[in-house]
Amino acid sequence: MVKKLNMISRRKLNNIHVYCPENYEGLVAKVLSSLNVKYSLNQFDLKAGLPETVCHYRAYQLEEDKKRFLIDSTERGAWVEPLVSFIERRFGFTEIELLDSSYFLQQKAFSILSNPRPRIVKRVFDVVFASLAFLMLLPLLLFVAVLIRCESPGGSFYRQKRVGLYNKEFEVIKFRSMRNDAEQHGAQWAQKNDTRVTRIGKFIRKTRIDELPQLINVIKGEMSLIGPRPEREVFIEDLEQSIPYYRFRHSVQPGITGLAQVKYPYGASLEDAKWKHRYDLHYIKHHNLWLDIKITLLTVKTILFAKGQ
C-alpha cells in the first residue's frame, strides 16, 4: 500500500460527483478512497446547483430517470465522463478494478489499434533507432558478453520463449544474469535481491544492460522498443486468473521497455503485476510517437544512473 501511495498524487482533488448502480457503490468508494479522491456518490437530489465534474460508472445499468439526470447534466454544461476516463486523465493509468467489456468495445477508444499509420510510424522509429543503437553499443555488448563468460560457466546469452503480438510466442534474447542452473527446479518469478543472480548479472539488471540484446528482436520485427514487457506463457496463465483482461496487452508488440517500467518500481508480486497492467493498458490506448520518445529518454536515464533493479 505504501508503494502504491507513492505512485499517485496525495493531494485532495476537487470534489467530483459519481453516479453508479447501487450494487457497485462499495467498489467505487474503495477505488476512489485508495486514490485519495474527494467524491460524492449518487447524489441525485442536488440543491446547491449542478456540480462541475460528473463521472459515471456502468451508466448503462442505471434506471432511466437516473440516465436522464446525466444527460441533463451534459446539456447544462457539466463536465461528464466515465469514471475510468477521469482516472486515466488525472493519474495516467487505467484502473483495472473498474473495467468491464464495454471499455474495450468502444471503437473510438481503441481506434489506434485499427489505424495502420501509427503502426507504420512506430515500426520506422523502431528499426532506425534499434539499428543505430545496436551499432553504437556493439563494443559494450561484446565486453559484457566476455565478462559474463569469465564469471560463471555457461553462455553469455540465453533465449527464452515469451508471448508477443496476438499471443504468438517468440524467443527473446537477453544477457544471462543468473547462474546457469537458475531454473533447474522449473520456472520461477524473478525476485528483488534474487540469490540466483551473479555479480555481473546484478549490475547489468540494475542498468538494464541485460535487455539490450533484444534490439535484435526489435530489428527482426518480433518486438518494439516501447510496449508492455513480454511475459512467459506459464506466468500469463496464472496472472489472467486474477488480473482482468490481462491478455489484452498482446494487442500491441511487446517492448524492451515501457510505460510500466519507467512509472512503477521493480516488483514481482501479484499486486505489482496489477499495477504494471494499469500502465500497460493506458499505454495501449494512448501510445504515440511522442510518448515513445519520452519513455525512451526516461529509460536512457535509468541506464545512465543505474536506477533499475
Protein backbone atom coordinates (compact mmCIF):
# COMPACT_ATOMS: atom_id res chain seq x y z
CA MET A 1 0.00 0.00 0.00
CA VAL A 2 2.85 2.42 0.83
CA LYS A 3 4.44 1.83 -2.59
CA LYS A 4 1.13 2.44 -4.33
CA LEU A 5 0.51 5.71 -2.48
CA ASN A 6 3.94 6.89 -3.52
CA MET A 7 3.00 6.32 -7.16
CA ILE A 8 -0.09 8.55 -7.17
CA SER A 9 -0.87 12.11 -6.12
CA ARG A 10 -1.58 12.50 -2.43
CA ARG A 11 -3.28 15.88 -2.67
CA LYS A 12 -7.04 16.06 -2.43
CA LEU A 13 -8.73 16.76 -5.74
CA ASN A 14 -11.77 18.97 -6.11
CA ASN A 15 -14.95 17.12 -5.17
CA ILE A 16 -16.37 15.04 -8.01
CA HIS A 17 -19.89 13.61 -8.22
CA VAL A 18 -20.04 9.95 -9.17
CA TYR A 19 -23.12 8.02 -10.27
CA CYS A 20 -23.31 4.24 -10.50
CA PRO A 21 -25.70 1.33 -9.80
CA GLU A 22 -26.21 0.84 -6.06
CA ASN A 23 -24.57 -2.60 -6.03
CA TYR A 24 -21.29 -1.03 -7.25
CA GLU A 25 -21.15 1.77 -4.67
CA GLY A 26 -18.76 -0.18 -2.43
CA LEU A 27 -16.31 -0.86 -5.27
CA VAL A 28 -16.35 2.76 -6.47
CA ALA A 29 -15.87 4.08 -2.93
CA LYS A 30 -12.95 1.72 -2.35
CA VAL A 31 -11.16 2.73 -5.57
CA LEU A 32 -11.63 6.49 -5.11
CA SER A 33 -10.58 6.37 -1.46
CA SER A 34 -7.40 4.49 -2.37
CA LEU A 35 -6.60 7.24 -4.90
CA ASN A 36 -7.28 9.97 -2.32
CA VAL A 37 -10.06 11.48 -4.43
CA LYS A 38 -12.72 13.55 -2.68
CA TYR A 39 -16.10 12.50 -4.00
CA SER A 40 -19.87 12.43 -3.54
CA LEU A 41 -21.69 9.25 -4.54
CA ASN A 42 -25.15 9.02 -6.14
CA GLN A 43 -26.45 12.42 -5.05
CA PHE A 44 -29.32 12.91 -7.48
CA ASP A 45 -31.23 15.48 -5.39
CA LEU A 46 -28.75 18.33 -5.68
CA LYS A 47 -29.99 21.57 -4.14
CA ALA A 48 -26.79 23.60 -4.48
CA GLY A 49 -26.78 23.51 -8.26
CA LEU A 50 -25.04 21.36 -10.83
CA PRO A 51 -21.55 20.06 -9.95
CA GLU A 52 -18.67 20.93 -12.26
CA THR A 53 -17.42 17.36 -12.66
CA VAL A 54 -19.79 14.42 -13.11
CA CYS A 55 -18.45 10.86 -13.51
CA HIS A 56 -20.43 7.72 -14.18
CA TYR A 57 -19.70 4.03 -13.85
CA ARG A 58 -21.78 1.35 -15.62
CA ALA A 59 -24.29 4.05 -16.59
CA TYR A 60 -25.98 1.60 -18.95
CA GLN A 61 -27.27 -0.23 -15.85
CA LEU A 62 -28.84 2.86 -14.27
CA GLU A 63 -32.59 3.40 -14.22
CA GLU A 64 -33.97 5.62 -16.97
CA ASP A 65 -34.63 8.66 -14.74
CA LYS A 66 -31.04 8.49 -13.46
CA LYS A 67 -29.68 8.24 -17.00
CA ARG A 68 -31.77 11.32 -17.78
CA PHE A 69 -30.05 13.13 -14.90
CA LEU A 70 -26.66 12.51 -16.54
CA ILE A 71 -27.94 13.67 -19.93
CA ASP A 72 -29.38 16.82 -18.34
CA SER A 73 -26.04 17.47 -16.67
CA THR A 74 -24.34 17.32 -20.07
CA GLU A 75 -26.93 19.66 -21.59
CA ARG A 76 -26.40 22.19 -18.81
CA GLY A 77 -22.63 22.34 -19.30
CA ALA A 78 -21.22 19.99 -16.68
CA TRP A 79 -18.07 18.01 -17.47
CA VAL A 80 -19.46 14.48 -17.77
CA GLU A 81 -17.25 11.45 -18.42
CA PRO A 82 -16.83 7.79 -17.46
CA LEU A 83 -15.09 7.31 -14.13
CA VAL A 84 -12.40 5.18 -15.78
CA SER A 85 -11.61 8.06 -18.18
CA PHE A 86 -11.42 10.52 -15.28
CA ILE A 87 -8.85 8.33 -13.51
CA GLU A 88 -6.85 7.89 -16.74
CA ARG A 89 -6.75 11.65 -17.28
CA ARG A 90 -5.83 12.54 -13.70
CA PHE A 91 -3.41 9.74 -12.81
CA GLY A 92 -2.05 8.41 -16.11
CA PHE A 93 -3.09 4.77 -15.71
CA THR A 94 -6.17 2.61 -16.30
CA GLU A 95 -7.92 1.42 -13.16
CA ILE A 96 -8.38 -2.28 -13.86
CA GLU A 97 -10.73 -2.81 -10.89
CA LEU A 98 -13.38 -0.82 -12.78
CA LEU A 99 -13.08 -2.49 -16.17
CA ASP A 100 -15.79 -4.39 -17.95
CA SER A 101 -16.23 -5.45 -21.57
CA SER A 102 -17.83 -2.13 -22.59
CA TYR A 103 -14.48 -0.38 -22.02
CA PHE A 104 -12.92 -2.34 -24.87
CA LEU A 105 -15.92 -2.33 -27.20
CA GLN A 106 -15.94 1.41 -27.91
CA GLN A 107 -14.26 1.71 -31.29
CA LYS A 108 -13.20 5.31 -30.73
CA ALA A 109 -11.39 4.39 -27.51
CA PHE A 110 -9.05 1.91 -29.21
CA SER A 111 -9.20 3.20 -32.78
CA ILE A 112 -5.40 3.44 -32.73
CA LEU A 113 -5.26 -0.36 -32.96
CA SER A 114 -7.11 -0.42 -36.30
CA ASN A 115 -5.27 2.55 -37.80
CA PRO A 116 -2.24 1.43 -39.89
CA ARG A 117 -0.50 4.82 -39.78
CA PRO A 118 0.61 4.71 -36.10
CA ARG A 119 1.91 1.16 -36.64
CA ILE A 120 3.96 2.25 -39.66
CA VAL A 121 5.41 5.27 -37.81
CA LYS A 122 6.22 3.09 -34.80
CA ARG A 123 7.92 0.45 -36.95
CA VAL A 124 10.09 3.04 -38.74
CA PHE A 125 11.08 4.52 -35.37
CA ASP A 126 11.90 1.04 -34.04
CA VAL A 127 14.06 -0.02 -36.99
CA VAL A 128 16.01 3.24 -37.25
CA PHE A 129 16.62 3.67 -33.51
CA ALA A 130 17.32 -0.03 -32.82
CA SER A 131 19.78 -0.33 -35.73
CA LEU A 132 21.72 2.79 -34.72
CA ALA A 133 21.71 1.81 -31.06
CA PHE A 134 22.94 -1.71 -31.84
CA LEU A 135 25.88 -0.41 -33.91
CA MET A 136 26.83 2.19 -31.29
CA LEU A 137 26.57 -0.27 -28.40
CA LEU A 138 28.27 -3.23 -30.11
CA PRO A 139 31.62 -2.76 -28.27
CA LEU A 140 29.76 -2.63 -24.94
CA LEU A 141 27.73 -5.72 -25.82
CA LEU A 142 30.87 -7.70 -26.66
CA PHE A 143 32.60 -6.55 -23.46
CA VAL A 144 29.64 -7.58 -21.28
CA ALA A 145 29.44 -10.94 -23.05
CA VAL A 146 33.10 -11.64 -22.16
CA LEU A 147 32.57 -10.62 -18.51
CA ILE A 148 29.62 -12.98 -18.14
CA ARG A 149 31.58 -15.92 -19.55
CA CYS A 150 34.51 -15.17 -17.24
CA GLU A 151 32.39 -15.03 -14.08
CA SER A 152 30.31 -18.19 -14.37
CA PRO A 153 30.00 -21.29 -16.56
CA GLY A 154 27.53 -21.14 -19.43
CA GLY A 155 26.80 -18.93 -22.40
CA SER A 156 26.67 -15.14 -22.30
CA PHE A 157 23.20 -15.03 -23.82
CA TYR A 158 20.06 -17.02 -23.30
CA ARG A 159 16.89 -17.43 -25.28
CA GLN A 160 13.52 -17.86 -23.69
CA LYS A 161 10.04 -18.19 -25.13
CA ARG A 162 7.82 -15.19 -24.44
CA VAL A 163 4.32 -14.27 -25.63
CA GLY A 164 4.14 -11.46 -28.19
CA LEU A 165 1.67 -9.83 -30.55
CA TYR A 166 -1.67 -11.67 -30.81
CA ASN A 167 -0.47 -14.28 -28.29
CA LYS A 168 2.19 -15.67 -30.64
CA GLU A 169 5.31 -16.97 -28.94
CA PHE A 170 8.84 -15.95 -29.93
CA GLU A 171 12.30 -16.33 -28.42
CA VAL A 172 13.53 -13.29 -26.57
CA ILE A 173 17.32 -12.72 -26.44
CA LYS A 174 18.91 -11.45 -23.22
CA PHE A 175 22.25 -11.39 -21.48
CA ARG A 176 22.42 -14.14 -18.88
CA SER A 177 22.25 -12.52 -15.45
CA MET A 178 21.70 -15.67 -13.36
CA ARG A 179 23.56 -18.86 -12.68
CA ASN A 180 23.30 -21.46 -15.41
CA ASP A 181 21.17 -23.69 -13.13
CA ALA A 182 18.77 -20.91 -12.09
CA GLU A 183 15.66 -22.80 -13.19
CA GLN A 184 16.66 -26.39 -12.63
CA HIS A 185 13.52 -26.78 -10.48
CA GLY A 186 11.21 -25.15 -13.03
CA ALA A 187 10.05 -21.62 -13.94
CA GLN A 188 10.23 -19.11 -11.11
CA TRP A 189 9.40 -15.43 -10.77
CA ALA A 190 12.46 -13.17 -10.68
CA GLN A 191 12.74 -11.60 -7.24
CA LYS A 192 14.33 -8.46 -5.87
CA ASN A 193 17.79 -9.35 -4.48
CA ASP A 194 17.44 -12.77 -6.14
CA THR A 195 20.19 -15.10 -4.87
CA ARG A 196 20.39 -16.75 -8.31
CA VAL A 197 21.74 -13.52 -9.83
CA THR A 198 25.50 -13.29 -10.42
CA ARG A 199 27.62 -10.25 -9.55
CA ILE A 200 27.82 -9.13 -13.18
CA GLY A 201 24.15 -10.02 -13.50
CA LYS A 202 23.22 -7.73 -10.66
CA PHE A 203 24.93 -4.79 -12.37
CA ILE A 204 23.50 -5.39 -15.84
CA ARG A 205 19.99 -5.83 -14.39
CA LYS A 206 20.28 -2.60 -12.42
CA THR A 207 21.39 -0.69 -15.52
CA ARG A 208 19.01 -2.67 -17.81
CA ILE A 209 22.00 -3.68 -19.96
CA ASP A 210 20.73 -7.26 -19.80
CA GLU A 211 17.83 -6.20 -22.04
CA LEU A 212 19.98 -4.68 -24.81
CA PRO A 213 20.34 -7.87 -26.92
CA GLN A 214 16.60 -7.55 -27.51
CA LEU A 215 17.49 -4.87 -30.05
CA ILE A 216 17.90 -7.89 -32.34
CA ASN A 217 14.29 -8.90 -31.61
CA VAL A 218 13.21 -5.36 -32.49
CA ILE A 219 15.08 -5.36 -35.82
CA LYS A 220 13.56 -8.78 -36.64
CA GLY A 221 10.07 -7.36 -36.02
CA GLU A 222 9.27 -9.59 -33.02
CA MET A 223 9.34 -6.71 -30.56
CA SER A 224 9.09 -2.94 -30.39
CA LEU A 225 11.35 -0.58 -28.46
CA ILE A 226 8.37 0.52 -26.36
CA GLY A 227 5.48 -1.64 -25.22
CA PRO A 228 4.36 -4.00 -22.45
CA ARG A 229 7.16 -6.28 -21.32
CA PRO A 230 6.76 -9.78 -22.83
CA GLU A 231 5.92 -12.48 -20.31
CA ARG A 232 6.12 -16.27 -20.30
CA GLU A 233 3.00 -18.29 -21.02
CA VAL A 234 3.31 -20.22 -17.77
CA PHE A 235 3.04 -16.97 -15.78
CA ILE A 236 0.37 -15.46 -18.03
CA GLU A 237 -1.91 -18.42 -17.38
CA ASP A 238 -1.70 -17.67 -13.66
CA LEU A 239 -1.95 -13.88 -13.94
CA GLU A 240 -5.01 -13.85 -16.16
CA GLN A 241 -6.92 -15.68 -13.41
CA SER A 242 -6.51 -12.66 -11.11
CA ILE A 243 -5.98 -9.66 -13.42
CA PRO A 244 -8.90 -8.54 -15.62
CA TYR A 245 -8.26 -8.65 -19.38
CA TYR A 246 -4.58 -9.45 -18.90
CA ARG A 247 -4.09 -10.82 -22.42
CA PHE A 248 -5.27 -7.54 -23.95
CA ARG A 249 -1.64 -6.43 -23.55
CA HIS A 250 -0.90 -8.62 -26.58
CA SER A 251 -2.85 -6.29 -28.88
CA VAL A 252 0.45 -4.45 -29.45
CA GLN A 253 4.00 -5.69 -29.80
CA PRO A 254 5.91 -6.20 -26.56
CA GLY A 255 8.72 -3.76 -25.82
CA ILE A 256 12.24 -3.68 -24.43
CA THR A 257 10.96 -1.00 -22.08
CA GLY A 258 7.57 0.53 -21.47
CA LEU A 259 5.42 2.96 -19.53
CA ALA A 260 5.09 0.49 -16.64
CA GLN A 261 8.88 0.15 -16.40
CA VAL A 262 9.52 3.90 -16.09
CA LYS A 263 6.48 4.69 -13.92
CA TYR A 264 6.47 1.81 -11.48
CA PRO A 265 9.36 0.39 -9.41
CA TYR A 266 10.57 -3.19 -9.71
CA GLY A 267 8.29 -5.81 -8.24
CA ALA A 268 7.41 -9.47 -8.71
CA SER A 269 4.20 -9.88 -6.70
CA LEU A 270 0.64 -10.18 -7.97
CA GLU A 271 -0.07 -6.64 -6.77
CA ASP A 272 2.96 -5.37 -8.72
CA ALA A 273 1.70 -7.16 -11.83
CA LYS A 274 -1.70 -5.47 -11.41
CA TRP A 275 -0.12 -2.03 -11.20
CA LYS A 276 2.01 -2.67 -14.27
CA HIS A 277 -1.10 -3.81 -16.14
CA ARG A 278 -2.76 -0.49 -15.27
CA TYR A 279 0.08 1.36 -17.03
CA ASP A 280 0.25 -1.11 -19.93
CA LEU A 281 -3.46 -0.65 -20.74
CA HIS A 282 -3.06 3.11 -20.56
CA TYR A 283 -0.14 2.91 -22.98
CA ILE A 284 -2.04 0.72 -25.45
CA LYS A 285 -4.90 3.22 -25.56
CA HIS A 286 -2.82 6.40 -25.74
CA HIS A 287 0.51 5.47 -27.35
CA ASN A 288 2.01 7.73 -29.98
CA LEU A 289 5.47 8.69 -31.23
CA TRP A 290 5.94 11.47 -28.68
CA LEU A 291 5.08 9.16 -25.77
CA ASP A 292 7.53 6.55 -27.14
CA ILE A 293 10.28 9.18 -27.29
CA LYS A 294 9.59 10.26 -23.69
CA ILE A 295 9.72 6.66 -22.45
CA THR A 296 12.94 6.09 -24.41
CA LEU A 297 14.57 9.13 -22.77
CA LEU A 298 13.44 8.03 -19.30
CA THR A 299 14.87 4.57 -19.97
CA VAL A 300 18.21 6.05 -21.04
CA LYS A 301 18.21 7.99 -17.76
CA THR A 302 17.63 4.73 -15.88
CA ILE A 303 20.59 3.10 -17.65
CA LEU A 304 22.95 6.04 -17.09
CA PHE A 305 22.12 6.42 -13.40
CA ALA A 306 21.58 2.71 -12.65
CA LYS A 307 18.06 3.22 -11.31
CA GLY A 308 16.75 -0.17 -12.34
CA GLN A 309 16.57 -3.29 -10.20
